Amino acid sequence: MPLSSDVAERERRIARLREIKADLAISGGQTSAWDELVDMFHSTADLLEAAAKEMACNYAERPPSFPDALELRMQNLMVHLATTRRLSASLGSLYRSLTPSQRMRADRLLPTLYAECGWLGRPTETQPRGSTRAGANLKIDGRERSPLAA
C-alpha cells in the first residue's frame, strides 16, 4: 500500500501530465502514443521510487562499506539506464506523431517533468530550460547552464 506522500506525488505527476497534454494540444490521432508515454512514465517513476527506497533501507539498516556502497550505486545506475531506455523508446513514438510546433513545445515541457521527478540527478528546485520556475538553469563550474545544453 503506497504511503500518503507517494499517493500525493503520483497525483501531482498526473496533474502535471494533464497540463502538458493540454499545452501540447494532443489530438485524437496522437492519443495512443501519449498514453503509452504516460504509462511508461508512471511505471518508470514507480520503479525508480522503489529502487530509491530499497537503497535507503539498505543504508538505514547498516551503513555499507565503501565497496558495497559502490555496488549499490552501480545497481541504481543500471535501473536508471534501463528505465531511461524504455522511456526513450516511448518518447520516440510520441515525437514521431507530433507536429514540428508540438515538438518544440514538448522539448520545453517534458524535460521539466523529468527533472521534477529527480531523474536528472538534481534537486527538484533546479529545473532544465523551459521551466518558468526560479533556478531553471543549473550551476555548473560556477556558471549557470541548462542541464540539456551540449
N, C-alpha and C. Protein backbone atom coordinates (compact mmCIF):
# COMPACT_ATOMS: atom_id res chain seq x y z
N MET A 1 0.85 -1.18 0.00
CA MET A 1 0.00 0.00 0.00
C MET A 1 0.90 1.24 0.00
N PRO A 2 0.71 2.13 -0.98
CA PRO A 2 1.56 3.32 -1.02
C PRO A 2 1.30 4.24 0.16
N LEU A 3 2.33 4.90 0.59
CA LEU A 3 2.19 5.89 1.65
C LEU A 3 1.44 7.09 1.10
N SER A 4 0.86 7.90 1.99
CA SER A 4 0.10 9.06 1.54
C SER A 4 0.96 10.03 0.75
N SER A 5 2.24 10.15 1.10
CA SER A 5 3.12 11.04 0.33
C SER A 5 3.35 10.48 -1.07
N ASP A 6 3.40 9.14 -1.20
CA ASP A 6 3.53 8.51 -2.51
C ASP A 6 2.30 8.79 -3.36
N VAL A 7 1.13 8.70 -2.74
CA VAL A 7 -0.13 8.97 -3.44
C VAL A 7 -0.17 10.43 -3.87
N ALA A 8 0.22 11.32 -2.98
CA ALA A 8 0.22 12.75 -3.31
C ALA A 8 1.19 13.04 -4.45
N GLU A 9 2.35 12.40 -4.43
CA GLU A 9 3.33 12.59 -5.50
C GLU A 9 2.79 12.09 -6.83
N ARG A 10 2.15 10.93 -6.81
CA ARG A 10 1.57 10.38 -8.05
C ARG A 10 0.47 11.30 -8.57
N GLU A 11 -0.36 11.81 -7.68
CA GLU A 11 -1.43 12.74 -8.10
C GLU A 11 -0.84 14.02 -8.69
N ARG A 12 0.25 14.49 -8.12
CA ARG A 12 0.90 15.68 -8.66
C ARG A 12 1.43 15.41 -10.06
N ARG A 13 2.04 14.22 -10.24
CA ARG A 13 2.53 13.85 -11.58
C ARG A 13 1.40 13.75 -12.58
N ILE A 14 0.29 13.15 -12.16
CA ILE A 14 -0.87 13.00 -13.05
C ILE A 14 -1.37 14.38 -13.48
N ALA A 15 -1.48 15.29 -12.52
CA ALA A 15 -1.94 16.65 -12.84
C ALA A 15 -0.97 17.33 -13.79
N ARG A 16 0.32 17.17 -13.55
CA ARG A 16 1.32 17.81 -14.42
C ARG A 16 1.27 17.22 -15.83
N LEU A 17 1.09 15.91 -15.94
CA LEU A 17 0.97 15.28 -17.26
C LEU A 17 -0.27 15.78 -18.00
N ARG A 18 -1.36 15.98 -17.28
CA ARG A 18 -2.58 16.54 -17.91
C ARG A 18 -2.32 17.95 -18.43
N GLU A 19 -1.60 18.75 -17.64
CA GLU A 19 -1.26 20.11 -18.09
C GLU A 19 -0.42 20.07 -19.36
N ILE A 20 0.57 19.20 -19.37
CA ILE A 20 1.45 19.10 -20.53
C ILE A 20 0.67 18.62 -21.75
N LYS A 21 -0.21 17.65 -21.56
CA LYS A 21 -1.03 17.15 -22.67
C LYS A 21 -1.86 18.29 -23.26
N ALA A 22 -2.46 19.09 -22.39
CA ALA A 22 -3.25 20.23 -22.86
C ALA A 22 -2.36 21.26 -23.55
N ASP A 23 -1.19 21.55 -22.98
CA ASP A 23 -0.27 22.52 -23.59
C ASP A 23 0.22 22.05 -24.96
N LEU A 24 0.39 20.75 -25.11
CA LEU A 24 0.84 20.21 -26.40
C LEU A 24 -0.30 20.07 -27.40
N ALA A 25 -1.53 20.20 -26.93
CA ALA A 25 -2.72 20.04 -27.78
C ALA A 25 -2.68 18.69 -28.49
N ILE A 26 -2.55 17.63 -27.69
CA ILE A 26 -2.51 16.27 -28.23
C ILE A 26 -3.86 15.97 -28.89
N SER A 27 -3.80 15.54 -30.16
CA SER A 27 -5.02 15.26 -30.93
C SER A 27 -5.41 13.79 -30.76
N GLY A 28 -6.58 13.45 -31.27
CA GLY A 28 -7.06 12.08 -31.18
C GLY A 28 -6.11 11.07 -31.77
N GLY A 29 -5.48 11.41 -32.89
CA GLY A 29 -4.54 10.50 -33.53
C GLY A 29 -3.23 10.34 -32.77
N GLN A 30 -2.97 11.23 -31.86
CA GLN A 30 -1.73 11.18 -31.08
C GLN A 30 -1.94 10.58 -29.69
N THR A 31 -3.20 10.32 -29.36
CA THR A 31 -3.54 9.89 -28.01
C THR A 31 -2.89 8.57 -27.62
N SER A 32 -2.85 7.60 -28.54
CA SER A 32 -2.27 6.30 -28.15
C SER A 32 -0.78 6.44 -27.83
N ALA A 33 -0.05 7.24 -28.61
CA ALA A 33 1.37 7.46 -28.33
C ALA A 33 1.54 8.21 -27.01
N TRP A 34 0.66 9.18 -26.75
CA TRP A 34 0.71 9.92 -25.49
C TRP A 34 0.43 8.99 -24.32
N ASP A 35 -0.62 8.17 -24.44
CA ASP A 35 -0.98 7.26 -23.36
C ASP A 35 0.13 6.25 -23.08
N GLU A 36 0.80 5.79 -24.13
CA GLU A 36 1.94 4.88 -23.96
C GLU A 36 3.05 5.57 -23.16
N LEU A 37 3.32 6.82 -23.49
CA LEU A 37 4.35 7.57 -22.77
C LEU A 37 3.95 7.76 -21.30
N VAL A 38 2.70 8.12 -21.06
CA VAL A 38 2.23 8.33 -19.69
C VAL A 38 2.34 7.04 -18.88
N ASP A 39 1.91 5.92 -19.47
CA ASP A 39 2.02 4.63 -18.77
C ASP A 39 3.48 4.31 -18.45
N MET A 40 4.34 4.54 -19.43
CA MET A 40 5.76 4.27 -19.23
C MET A 40 6.33 5.22 -18.17
N PHE A 41 5.89 6.46 -18.20
CA PHE A 41 6.36 7.44 -17.23
C PHE A 41 6.00 7.01 -15.81
N HIS A 42 4.73 6.59 -15.62
CA HIS A 42 4.30 6.16 -14.28
C HIS A 42 5.05 4.91 -13.83
N SER A 43 5.21 3.94 -14.72
CA SER A 43 5.91 2.72 -14.31
C SER A 43 7.37 3.02 -14.01
N THR A 44 7.96 3.93 -14.78
CA THR A 44 9.35 4.33 -14.53
C THR A 44 9.47 5.03 -13.19
N ALA A 45 8.56 5.96 -12.93
CA ALA A 45 8.59 6.69 -11.65
C ALA A 45 8.43 5.72 -10.48
N ASP A 46 7.49 4.79 -10.60
CA ASP A 46 7.26 3.83 -9.53
C ASP A 46 8.49 2.95 -9.30
N LEU A 47 9.10 2.50 -10.39
CA LEU A 47 10.28 1.66 -10.28
C LEU A 47 11.46 2.40 -9.65
N LEU A 48 11.67 3.63 -10.08
CA LEU A 48 12.78 4.42 -9.52
C LEU A 48 12.55 4.76 -8.06
N GLU A 49 11.30 5.04 -7.69
CA GLU A 49 10.99 5.32 -6.29
C GLU A 49 11.22 4.08 -5.43
N ALA A 50 10.82 2.91 -5.94
CA ALA A 50 11.04 1.67 -5.20
C ALA A 50 12.53 1.39 -5.03
N ALA A 51 13.30 1.62 -6.10
CA ALA A 51 14.75 1.41 -6.02
C ALA A 51 15.39 2.36 -5.02
N ALA A 52 14.93 3.61 -5.01
CA ALA A 52 15.47 4.59 -4.06
C ALA A 52 15.15 4.20 -2.62
N LYS A 53 13.92 3.71 -2.39
CA LYS A 53 13.54 3.28 -1.04
C LYS A 53 14.35 2.07 -0.60
N GLU A 54 14.56 1.15 -1.52
CA GLU A 54 15.35 -0.04 -1.19
C GLU A 54 16.77 0.37 -0.83
N MET A 55 17.32 1.29 -1.59
CA MET A 55 18.68 1.76 -1.32
C MET A 55 18.73 2.45 0.04
N ALA A 56 17.72 3.26 0.34
CA ALA A 56 17.67 3.96 1.63
C ALA A 56 17.57 2.96 2.78
N CYS A 57 16.77 1.91 2.59
CA CYS A 57 16.64 0.88 3.63
C CYS A 57 17.97 0.17 3.85
N ASN A 58 18.67 -0.12 2.76
CA ASN A 58 19.98 -0.77 2.89
C ASN A 58 20.94 0.09 3.69
N TYR A 59 20.90 1.39 3.47
CA TYR A 59 21.78 2.30 4.20
C TYR A 59 21.32 2.45 5.65
N ALA A 60 20.00 2.42 5.88
CA ALA A 60 19.48 2.63 7.23
C ALA A 60 19.77 1.42 8.12
N GLU A 61 19.66 0.22 7.56
CA GLU A 61 19.89 -0.99 8.35
C GLU A 61 21.33 -1.06 8.84
N ARG A 62 22.24 -0.84 7.93
CA ARG A 62 23.65 -0.89 8.27
C ARG A 62 24.39 -0.12 7.19
N PRO A 63 25.07 0.93 7.58
CA PRO A 63 25.81 1.67 6.56
C PRO A 63 26.77 0.71 5.84
N PRO A 64 26.70 0.68 4.51
CA PRO A 64 27.53 -0.26 3.77
C PRO A 64 29.00 0.17 3.75
N SER A 65 29.84 -0.80 3.53
CA SER A 65 31.26 -0.48 3.32
C SER A 65 31.35 0.28 2.00
N PHE A 66 32.49 0.88 1.77
CA PHE A 66 32.65 1.64 0.53
C PHE A 66 32.45 0.77 -0.71
N PRO A 67 33.04 -0.44 -0.77
CA PRO A 67 32.78 -1.29 -1.95
C PRO A 67 31.30 -1.65 -2.10
N ASP A 68 30.63 -1.92 -0.97
CA ASP A 68 29.20 -2.22 -1.03
C ASP A 68 28.40 -1.01 -1.49
N ALA A 69 28.80 0.17 -1.03
CA ALA A 69 28.11 1.40 -1.45
C ALA A 69 28.27 1.61 -2.95
N LEU A 70 29.46 1.33 -3.46
CA LEU A 70 29.68 1.45 -4.91
C LEU A 70 28.83 0.44 -5.68
N GLU A 71 28.71 -0.77 -5.14
CA GLU A 71 27.88 -1.79 -5.78
C GLU A 71 26.42 -1.35 -5.81
N LEU A 72 25.93 -0.82 -4.69
CA LEU A 72 24.56 -0.31 -4.64
C LEU A 72 24.37 0.82 -5.64
N ARG A 73 25.35 1.68 -5.74
CA ARG A 73 25.28 2.80 -6.69
C ARG A 73 25.23 2.28 -8.13
N MET A 74 26.05 1.27 -8.43
CA MET A 74 26.02 0.70 -9.78
C MET A 74 24.67 0.06 -10.09
N GLN A 75 24.09 -0.62 -9.11
CA GLN A 75 22.77 -1.21 -9.31
C GLN A 75 21.74 -0.12 -9.58
N ASN A 76 21.83 0.97 -8.82
CA ASN A 76 20.91 2.09 -9.01
C ASN A 76 21.08 2.70 -10.40
N LEU A 77 22.30 2.85 -10.84
CA LEU A 77 22.56 3.41 -12.17
C LEU A 77 22.04 2.49 -13.26
N MET A 78 22.14 1.18 -13.06
CA MET A 78 21.62 0.23 -14.05
C MET A 78 20.10 0.33 -14.15
N VAL A 79 19.44 0.51 -13.02
CA VAL A 79 17.98 0.70 -13.04
C VAL A 79 17.65 1.98 -13.79
N HIS A 80 18.38 3.05 -13.51
CA HIS A 80 18.15 4.32 -14.21
C HIS A 80 18.37 4.16 -15.72
N LEU A 81 19.41 3.47 -16.11
CA LEU A 81 19.69 3.28 -17.53
C LEU A 81 18.58 2.48 -18.20
N ALA A 82 18.17 1.38 -17.58
CA ALA A 82 17.12 0.55 -18.17
C ALA A 82 15.80 1.31 -18.30
N THR A 83 15.44 2.04 -17.26
CA THR A 83 14.18 2.78 -17.32
C THR A 83 14.27 3.95 -18.30
N THR A 84 15.43 4.57 -18.40
CA THR A 84 15.60 5.67 -19.35
C THR A 84 15.50 5.15 -20.78
N ARG A 85 16.04 3.98 -21.05
CA ARG A 85 15.91 3.39 -22.39
C ARG A 85 14.45 3.14 -22.74
N ARG A 86 13.70 2.57 -21.80
CA ARG A 86 12.28 2.30 -22.05
C ARG A 86 11.51 3.59 -22.26
N LEU A 87 11.79 4.58 -21.44
CA LEU A 87 11.12 5.87 -21.57
C LEU A 87 11.48 6.53 -22.89
N SER A 88 12.73 6.41 -23.29
CA SER A 88 13.18 6.99 -24.55
C SER A 88 12.46 6.38 -25.75
N ALA A 89 12.23 5.07 -25.72
CA ALA A 89 11.51 4.41 -26.81
C ALA A 89 10.08 4.94 -26.90
N SER A 90 9.41 5.09 -25.76
CA SER A 90 8.05 5.64 -25.75
C SER A 90 8.04 7.08 -26.22
N LEU A 91 9.04 7.82 -25.81
CA LEU A 91 9.14 9.22 -26.22
C LEU A 91 9.34 9.33 -27.73
N GLY A 92 10.13 8.42 -28.30
CA GLY A 92 10.33 8.41 -29.74
C GLY A 92 9.03 8.20 -30.49
N SER A 93 8.19 7.30 -30.00
CA SER A 93 6.88 7.06 -30.63
C SER A 93 6.03 8.32 -30.60
N LEU A 94 6.04 9.00 -29.47
CA LEU A 94 5.25 10.22 -29.36
C LEU A 94 5.79 11.29 -30.30
N TYR A 95 7.09 11.51 -30.29
CA TYR A 95 7.68 12.56 -31.13
C TYR A 95 7.41 12.34 -32.61
N ARG A 96 7.39 11.09 -33.05
CA ARG A 96 7.09 10.82 -34.46
C ARG A 96 5.67 11.24 -34.82
N SER A 97 4.78 11.28 -33.84
CA SER A 97 3.40 11.66 -34.11
C SER A 97 3.14 13.16 -33.96
N LEU A 98 4.10 13.90 -33.39
CA LEU A 98 3.90 15.33 -33.13
C LEU A 98 4.23 16.17 -34.36
N THR A 99 3.57 17.32 -34.43
CA THR A 99 3.90 18.30 -35.46
C THR A 99 5.18 19.02 -35.03
N PRO A 100 5.83 19.73 -35.94
CA PRO A 100 7.05 20.47 -35.54
C PRO A 100 6.82 21.45 -34.39
N SER A 101 5.69 22.15 -34.39
CA SER A 101 5.46 23.10 -33.29
C SER A 101 5.19 22.37 -31.98
N GLN A 102 4.53 21.23 -32.04
CA GLN A 102 4.32 20.44 -30.83
C GLN A 102 5.65 19.91 -30.30
N ARG A 103 6.54 19.51 -31.20
CA ARG A 103 7.87 19.02 -30.77
C ARG A 103 8.63 20.12 -30.04
N MET A 104 8.53 21.33 -30.56
CA MET A 104 9.23 22.45 -29.89
C MET A 104 8.68 22.64 -28.48
N ARG A 105 7.36 22.59 -28.33
CA ARG A 105 6.76 22.73 -27.00
C ARG A 105 7.14 21.54 -26.11
N ALA A 106 7.13 20.34 -26.69
CA ALA A 106 7.50 19.15 -25.92
C ALA A 106 8.95 19.24 -25.44
N ASP A 107 9.82 19.78 -26.29
CA ASP A 107 11.23 19.95 -25.89
C ASP A 107 11.37 20.88 -24.69
N ARG A 108 10.43 21.78 -24.54
CA ARG A 108 10.45 22.73 -23.43
C ARG A 108 9.75 22.16 -22.20
N LEU A 109 8.66 21.41 -22.39
CA LEU A 109 7.83 20.98 -21.27
C LEU A 109 8.24 19.64 -20.66
N LEU A 110 8.54 18.66 -21.48
CA LEU A 110 8.81 17.33 -20.95
C LEU A 110 10.05 17.24 -20.07
N PRO A 111 11.15 17.93 -20.41
CA PRO A 111 12.31 17.86 -19.50
C PRO A 111 12.01 18.39 -18.10
N THR A 112 11.09 19.33 -17.97
CA THR A 112 10.78 19.84 -16.63
C THR A 112 10.15 18.74 -15.78
N LEU A 113 9.31 17.93 -16.40
CA LEU A 113 8.69 16.83 -15.68
C LEU A 113 9.75 15.79 -15.29
N TYR A 114 10.64 15.51 -16.19
CA TYR A 114 11.74 14.59 -15.94
C TYR A 114 12.57 15.07 -14.76
N ALA A 115 12.88 16.36 -14.74
CA ALA A 115 13.68 16.93 -13.66
C ALA A 115 12.92 16.97 -12.34
N GLU A 116 11.63 17.27 -12.40
CA GLU A 116 10.82 17.34 -11.18
C GLU A 116 10.82 16.01 -10.45
N CYS A 117 10.95 14.93 -11.18
CA CYS A 117 10.98 13.61 -10.56
C CYS A 117 12.37 13.24 -10.07
N GLY A 118 13.33 14.15 -10.25
CA GLY A 118 14.68 13.90 -9.78
C GLY A 118 15.48 12.98 -10.68
N TRP A 119 15.01 12.75 -11.90
CA TRP A 119 15.69 11.82 -12.79
C TRP A 119 16.93 12.41 -13.42
N LEU A 120 17.14 13.70 -13.28
CA LEU A 120 18.37 14.29 -13.79
C LEU A 120 19.46 14.25 -12.73
N GLY A 121 19.12 13.68 -11.58
CA GLY A 121 20.09 13.59 -10.51
C GLY A 121 20.32 14.91 -9.80
N ARG A 122 19.39 15.82 -9.93
CA ARG A 122 19.49 17.14 -9.31
C ARG A 122 18.29 17.36 -8.40
N PRO A 123 18.40 18.27 -7.46
CA PRO A 123 17.24 18.62 -6.64
C PRO A 123 16.10 19.13 -7.51
N THR A 124 14.88 18.95 -7.04
CA THR A 124 13.73 19.37 -7.83
C THR A 124 13.67 20.87 -8.03
N GLU A 125 14.39 21.64 -7.22
CA GLU A 125 14.36 23.10 -7.38
C GLU A 125 15.13 23.55 -8.62
N THR A 126 16.01 22.71 -9.13
CA THR A 126 16.81 23.09 -10.30
C THR A 126 16.19 22.44 -11.53
N GLN A 127 15.54 23.25 -12.32
CA GLN A 127 14.81 22.76 -13.48
C GLN A 127 15.56 23.05 -14.77
N PRO A 128 15.36 22.22 -15.79
CA PRO A 128 16.01 22.48 -17.07
C PRO A 128 15.35 23.64 -17.80
N ARG A 129 15.94 23.98 -18.94
CA ARG A 129 15.43 25.09 -19.73
C ARG A 129 13.94 24.91 -20.00
N GLY A 130 13.27 26.02 -20.15
CA GLY A 130 11.84 25.97 -20.40
C GLY A 130 11.01 26.07 -19.14
N SER A 131 11.62 25.90 -18.00
CA SER A 131 10.89 26.00 -16.75
C SER A 131 10.61 27.45 -16.45
N THR A 132 9.44 27.69 -15.90
CA THR A 132 9.11 29.06 -15.50
C THR A 132 9.49 29.31 -14.05
N ARG A 133 10.03 28.30 -13.40
CA ARG A 133 10.41 28.46 -12.01
C ARG A 133 11.80 29.04 -11.88
N ALA A 134 12.04 29.60 -10.71
CA ALA A 134 13.39 30.09 -10.41
C ALA A 134 14.33 28.89 -10.40
N GLY A 135 15.56 29.13 -10.75
CA GLY A 135 16.54 28.05 -10.75
C GLY A 135 16.44 27.16 -11.96
N ALA A 136 15.95 27.70 -13.09
CA ALA A 136 15.76 26.89 -14.28
C ALA A 136 17.07 26.33 -14.81
N ASN A 137 18.14 27.03 -14.57
CA ASN A 137 19.45 26.55 -15.01
C ASN A 137 20.25 26.08 -13.81
N LEU A 138 21.16 25.18 -14.06
CA LEU A 138 21.99 24.64 -13.00
C LEU A 138 23.32 25.38 -12.94
N LYS A 139 23.90 25.43 -11.76
CA LYS A 139 25.24 26.00 -11.63
C LYS A 139 26.23 24.87 -11.89
N ILE A 140 26.98 25.03 -12.97
CA ILE A 140 27.99 24.05 -13.34
C ILE A 140 29.30 24.79 -13.46
N ASP A 141 30.28 24.37 -12.69
CA ASP A 141 31.58 25.05 -12.67
C ASP A 141 31.42 26.54 -12.40
N GLY A 142 30.49 26.88 -11.51
CA GLY A 142 30.30 28.27 -11.12
C GLY A 142 29.50 29.10 -12.10
N ARG A 143 29.10 28.52 -13.23
CA ARG A 143 28.31 29.27 -14.22
C ARG A 143 26.94 28.62 -14.36
N GLU A 144 25.93 29.45 -14.65
CA GLU A 144 24.60 28.91 -14.87
C GLU A 144 24.50 28.35 -16.27
N ARG A 145 24.01 27.09 -16.36
CA ARG A 145 23.83 26.44 -17.65
C ARG A 145 22.59 25.58 -17.61
N SER A 146 22.00 25.40 -18.77
CA SER A 146 20.91 24.44 -18.88
C SER A 146 21.51 23.05 -18.77
N PRO A 147 20.84 22.14 -18.05
CA PRO A 147 21.36 20.78 -17.97
C PRO A 147 21.27 20.06 -19.31
N LEU A 148 20.52 20.62 -20.24
CA LEU A 148 20.35 19.98 -21.54
C LEU A 148 21.26 20.57 -22.59
N ALA A 149 22.04 21.58 -22.22
CA ALA A 149 22.96 22.20 -23.19
C ALA A 149 24.11 21.25 -23.48
N ALA A 150 24.58 21.31 -24.68
CA ALA A 150 25.68 20.41 -25.08
C ALA A 150 26.98 20.84 -24.44
